[in-house]
C-alpha atoms as a PDB file:
ATOM      1  CA  MET A   1     133.668-216.393 101.318  1.00  0.00           C
ATOM      2  CA  SER A   2     133.995-213.499 102.241  1.00  0.00           C
ATOM      3  CA  ALA A   3     133.844-211.262 105.136  1.00  0.00           C
ATOM      4  CA  PRO A   4     130.441-209.510 105.500  1.00  0.00           C
ATOM      5  CA  SER A   5     132.256-206.032 105.403  1.00  0.00           C
ATOM      6  CA  SER A   6     134.670-207.135 102.440  1.00  0.00           C
ATOM      7  CA  ASN A   7     131.693-206.109  99.962  1.00  0.00           C
ATOM      8  CA  ALA A   8     129.285-204.385 102.656  1.00  0.00           C
ATOM      9  CA  PRO A   9     129.443-200.356 103.932  1.00  0.00           C
ATOM     10  CA  GLN A  10     131.618-198.941 105.962  1.00  0.00           C
ATOM     11  CA  SER A  11     129.036-199.819 109.095  1.00  0.00           C
ATOM     12  CA  ASN A  12     127.156-203.199 108.049  1.00  0.00           C
ATOM     13  CA  PRO A  13     123.425-202.155 109.263  1.00  0.00           C
ATOM     14  CA  PHE A  14     122.879-206.427 109.755  1.00  0.00           C
ATOM     15  CA  VAL A  15     124.576-206.795 112.828  1.00  0.00           C
ATOM     16  CA  GLY A  16     122.439-207.359 115.633  1.00  0.00           C
ATOM     17  CA  THR A  17     119.943-209.149 117.099  1.00  0.00           C
ATOM     18  CA  TRP A  18     116.344-209.393 114.729  1.00  0.00           C
ATOM     19  CA  ARG A  19     113.243-210.487 116.467  1.00  0.00           C
ATOM     20  CA  LEU A  20     110.141-211.772 113.703  1.00  0.00           C
ATOM     21  CA  VAL A  21     106.898-209.396 113.138  1.00  0.00           C
ATOM     22  CA  SER A  22     105.177-212.006 109.921  1.00  0.00           C
ATOM     23  CA  ILE A  23     106.232-213.730 107.662  1.00  0.00           C
ATOM     24  CA  ASP A  24     103.944-213.061 104.529  1.00  0.00           C
ATOM     25  CA  SER A  25     103.641-215.954 101.981  1.00  0.00           C
ATOM     26  CA  GLY A  26     101.554-216.606  99.604  1.00  0.00           C
ATOM     27  CA  GLU A  27      99.352-220.365 100.701  1.00  0.00           C
ATOM     28  CA  ALA A  28     101.450-222.413 102.344  1.00  0.00           C
ATOM     29  CA  ARG A  29     101.355-220.256 106.557  1.00  0.00           C
ATOM     30  CA  ILE A  30     103.952-223.364 107.697  1.00  0.00           C
ATOM     31  CA  PHE A  31     104.423-221.540 111.415  1.00  0.00           C
ATOM     32  CA  GLY A  32     100.717-220.152 111.247  1.00  0.00           C
ATOM     33  CA  ASP A  33      98.954-216.825 111.034  1.00  0.00           C
ATOM     34  CA  SER A  34     101.664-215.664 114.424  1.00  0.00           C
ATOM     35  CA  PRO A  35     105.119-217.371 113.911  1.00  0.00           C
ATOM     36  CA  VAL A  36     107.745-216.112 117.183  1.00  0.00           C
ATOM     37  CA  GLY A  37     111.326-215.975 115.879  1.00  0.00           C
ATOM     38  CA  ILE A  38     114.903-214.553 116.221  1.00  0.00           C
ATOM     39  CA  LEU A  39     117.807-213.742 113.503  1.00  0.00           C
ATOM     40  CA  MET A  40     121.105-212.730 114.938  1.00  0.00           C
ATOM     41  CA  TYR A  41     124.166-211.328 112.776  1.00  0.00           C
ATOM     42  CA  ASP A  42     127.609-210.523 114.330  1.00  0.00           C
ATOM     43  CA  ALA A  43     129.933-208.593 112.916  1.00  0.00           C
ATOM     44  CA  ALA A  44     132.464-211.050 112.282  1.00  0.00           C
ATOM     45  CA  GLY A  45     130.401-213.456 109.832  1.00  0.00           C
ATOM     46  CA  ASN A  46     128.042-215.818 111.998  1.00  0.00           C
ATOM     47  CA  VAL A  47     124.153-215.823 111.355  1.00  0.00           C
ATOM     48  CA  ALA A  48     121.394-217.939 113.946  1.00  0.00           C
ATOM     49  CA  VAL A  49     117.642-218.020 113.067  1.00  0.00           C
ATOM     50  CA  GLN A  50     114.952-219.456 114.892  1.00  0.00           C
ATOM     51  CA  ILE A  51     111.277-219.321 113.557  1.00  0.00           C
ATOM     52  CA  MET A  52     107.988-221.263 115.669  1.00  0.00           C
ATOM     53  CA  ARG A  53     105.042-221.954 114.982  1.00  0.00           C
ATOM     54  CA  ASN A  54     102.546-219.393 118.438  1.00  0.00           C
ATOM     55  CA  PRO A  55     101.181-221.624 120.104  1.00  0.00           C
ATOM     56  CA  ARG A  56     103.919-224.787 119.371  1.00  0.00           C
ATOM     57  CA  PRO A  57     101.426-227.460 119.406  1.00  0.00           C
ATOM     58  CA  GLU A  58     101.657-229.530 122.550  1.00  0.00           C
ATOM     59  CA  PHE A  59     103.095-233.057 123.098  1.00  0.00           C
ATOM     60  CA  ALA A  60      99.274-235.718 122.249  1.00  0.00           C
ATOM     61  CA  ASN A  61     100.560-238.167 125.555  1.00  0.00           C
ATOM     62  CA  TYR A  62     103.814-238.012 127.018  1.00  0.00           C
ATOM     63  CA  VAL A  63     103.372-240.791 130.114  1.00  0.00           C
ATOM     64  CA  THR A  64     106.066-241.764 129.109  1.00  0.00           C
ATOM     65  CA  SER A  65     110.094-240.353 128.715  1.00  0.00           C
ATOM     66  CA  PHE A  66     110.243-240.119 124.763  1.00  0.00           C
ATOM     67  CA  PRO A  67     106.813-238.698 123.057  1.00  0.00           C
ATOM     68  CA  LEU A  68     105.266-240.113 120.322  1.00  0.00           C
ATOM     69  CA  PRO A  69     105.985-240.517 116.940  1.00  0.00           C
ATOM     70  CA  LYS A  70     103.739-238.242 115.511  1.00  0.00           C
ATOM     71  CA  ASP A  71     104.032-236.499 118.382  1.00  0.00           C
ATOM     72  CA  VAL A  72     107.565-234.667 117.052  1.00  0.00           C
ATOM     73  CA  GLN A  73     106.769-234.551 113.619  1.00  0.00           C
ATOM     74  CA  LEU A  74     104.271-232.010 114.822  1.00  0.00           C
ATOM     75  CA  ALA A  75     106.869-230.962 117.125  1.00  0.00           C
ATOM     76  CA  TYR A  76     109.798-230.797 113.979  1.00  0.00           C
ATOM     77  CA  ARG A  77     107.000-229.664 111.798  1.00  0.00           C
ATOM     78  CA  SER A  78     105.953-226.492 113.713  1.00  0.00           C
ATOM     79  CA  TYR A  79     110.052-225.338 114.857  1.00  0.00           C
ATOM     80  CA  TYR A  80     112.458-224.008 112.132  1.00  0.00           C
ATOM     81  CA  ALA A  81     116.259-223.227 113.385  1.00  0.00           C
ATOM     82  CA  TYR A  82     119.381-223.328 111.631  1.00  0.00           C
ATOM     83  CA  TYR A  83     123.339-221.516 111.779  1.00  0.00           C
ATOM     84  CA  GLY A  84     126.083-220.659 109.404  1.00  0.00           C
ATOM     85  CA  ARG A  85     127.380-217.186 108.013  1.00  0.00           C
ATOM     86  CA  TYR A  86     126.471-214.931 105.537  1.00  0.00           C
ATOM     87  CA  THR A  87     128.400-212.913 102.611  1.00  0.00           C
ATOM     88  CA  ILE A  88     126.346-209.400 100.899  1.00  0.00           C
ATOM     89  CA  ASP A  89     126.272-208.175  98.164  1.00  0.00           C
ATOM     90  CA  ALA A  90     125.311-204.656  98.355  1.00  0.00           C
ATOM     91  CA  ALA A  91     125.154-203.919  94.823  1.00  0.00           C
ATOM     92  CA  LYS A  92     122.485-206.392  94.309  1.00  0.00           C
ATOM     93  CA  GLY A  93     120.705-205.707  97.636  1.00  0.00           C
ATOM     94  CA  ILE A  94     121.015-208.990  98.977  1.00  0.00           C
ATOM     95  CA  ILE A  95     122.351-210.914 101.251  1.00  0.00           C
ATOM     96  CA  THR A  96     123.291-215.005 101.707  1.00  0.00           C
ATOM     97  CA  HIS A  97     123.027-217.165 104.544  1.00  0.00           C
ATOM     98  CA  HIS A  98     125.587-219.596 103.483  1.00  0.00           C
ATOM     99  CA  LEU A  99     124.516-222.759 106.183  1.00  0.00           C
ATOM    100  CA  GLN A 100     126.780-224.582 108.576  1.00  0.00           C
ATOM    101  CA  GLY A 101     124.360-226.933 110.743  1.00  0.00           C
ATOM    102  CA  SER A 102     119.902-227.471 110.385  1.00  0.00           C
ATOM    103  CA  LEU A 103     117.222-228.877 112.447  1.00  0.00           C
ATOM    104  CA  ARG A 104     116.726-230.700 108.568  1.00  0.00           C
ATOM    105  CA  PRO A 105     120.024-232.347 107.546  1.00  0.00           C
ATOM    106  CA  GLY A 106     119.132-231.662 103.744  1.00  0.00           C
ATOM    107  CA  ASP A 107     119.798-228.034 103.689  1.00  0.00           C
ATOM    108  CA  VAL A 108     123.090-228.220 105.294  1.00  0.00           C
ATOM    109  CA  GLY A 109     125.663-226.899 102.893  1.00  0.00           C
ATOM    110  CA  LYS A 110     122.795-224.875 101.560  1.00  0.00           C
ATOM    111  CA  ASP A 111     122.949-221.059 100.095  1.00  0.00           C
ATOM    112  CA  PHE A 112     119.844-219.018 101.197  1.00  0.00           C
ATOM    113  CA  ILE A 113     119.982-216.200  99.128  1.00  0.00           C
ATOM    114  CA  ARG A 114     117.442-213.386 100.593  1.00  0.00           C
ATOM    115  CA  ALA A 115     116.585-209.866  98.641  1.00  0.00           C
ATOM    116  CA  TYR A 116     116.822-207.372 101.436  1.00  0.00           C
ATOM    117  CA  THR A 117     115.154-204.284 102.560  1.00  0.00           C
ATOM    118  CA  PHE A 118     115.850-201.219 105.608  1.00  0.00           C
ATOM    119  CA  GLY A 119     113.309-199.275 107.297  1.00  0.00           C
ATOM    120  CA  GLU A 120     114.152-197.460 109.950  1.00  0.00           C
ATOM    121  CA  LYS A 121     114.304-200.460 112.271  1.00  0.00           C
ATOM    122  CA  SER A 122     112.797-203.000 110.287  1.00  0.00           C
ATOM    123  CA  LEU A 123     114.351-205.228 107.866  1.00  0.00           C
ATOM    124  CA  SER A 124     112.706-207.660 105.882  1.00  0.00           C
ATOM    125  CA  LEU A 125     114.161-210.540 103.487  1.00  0.00           C
ATOM    126  CA  ARG A 126     112.936-212.333 100.299  1.00  0.00           C
ATOM    127  CA  PRO A 127     113.730-215.838  98.857  1.00  0.00           C
ATOM    128  CA  VAL A 128     115.156-215.077  95.355  1.00  0.00           C
ATOM    129  CA  ASP A 129     115.239-218.577  93.406  1.00  0.00           C
ATOM    130  CA  ASP A 130     113.539-220.160  95.748  1.00  0.00           C
ATOM    131  CA  ALA A 131     110.405-221.787  94.045  1.00  0.00           C
ATOM    132  CA  GLN A 132     108.561-223.278  97.352  1.00  0.00           C
ATOM    133  CA  ALA A 133     109.003-220.307  98.396  1.00  0.00           C
ATOM    134  CA  LYS A 134     108.998-217.668  96.126  1.00  0.00           C
ATOM    135  CA  ASP A 135     106.456-215.576  97.763  1.00  0.00           C
ATOM    136  CA  ALA A 136     107.251-215.139 100.912  1.00  0.00           C
ATOM    137  CA  GLN A 137     108.096-212.850 103.048  1.00  0.00           C
ATOM    138  CA  LEU A 138     110.238-212.790 106.039  1.00  0.00           C
ATOM    139  CA  ASN A 139     109.209-209.564 108.263  1.00  0.00           C
ATOM    140  CA  TRP A 140     112.101-208.693 111.289  1.00  0.00           C
ATOM    141  CA  GLU A 141     112.606-205.635 113.455  1.00  0.00           C
ATOM    142  CA  ARG A 142     114.974-204.895 116.222  1.00  0.00           C
ATOM    143  CA  ALA A 143     115.299-206.534 119.082  1.00  0.00           C
END
């Protein structure tokens, strides 16, 4: 994998911390109407993402030290996080997140390819070649 600066402009506009503004999606709104999240890129090529439903579901019954299986399932579905490396192809307008760790074990080792567009203080990411999320767009602002 190449470093992010190898095929990116001299000044890397991704570097920094981004706050989730909205997720525009067709039918599925797994994180509800007002999700929250954070996206971080560093100059060394690392990326970390966390997104959660807002408000997050409360556990129905927390009298023991462990939540009930149904509560764990609700908590799992209302939160997503991963980290890894990223590469930029500025000519194609895409950034690829190379997942090294994820809340969802099946995502480890995958590449999430995103088309990107920048505004003055905003970043929008759209999945490329992802049939399940083809209509989704994640909108971020500088934190």
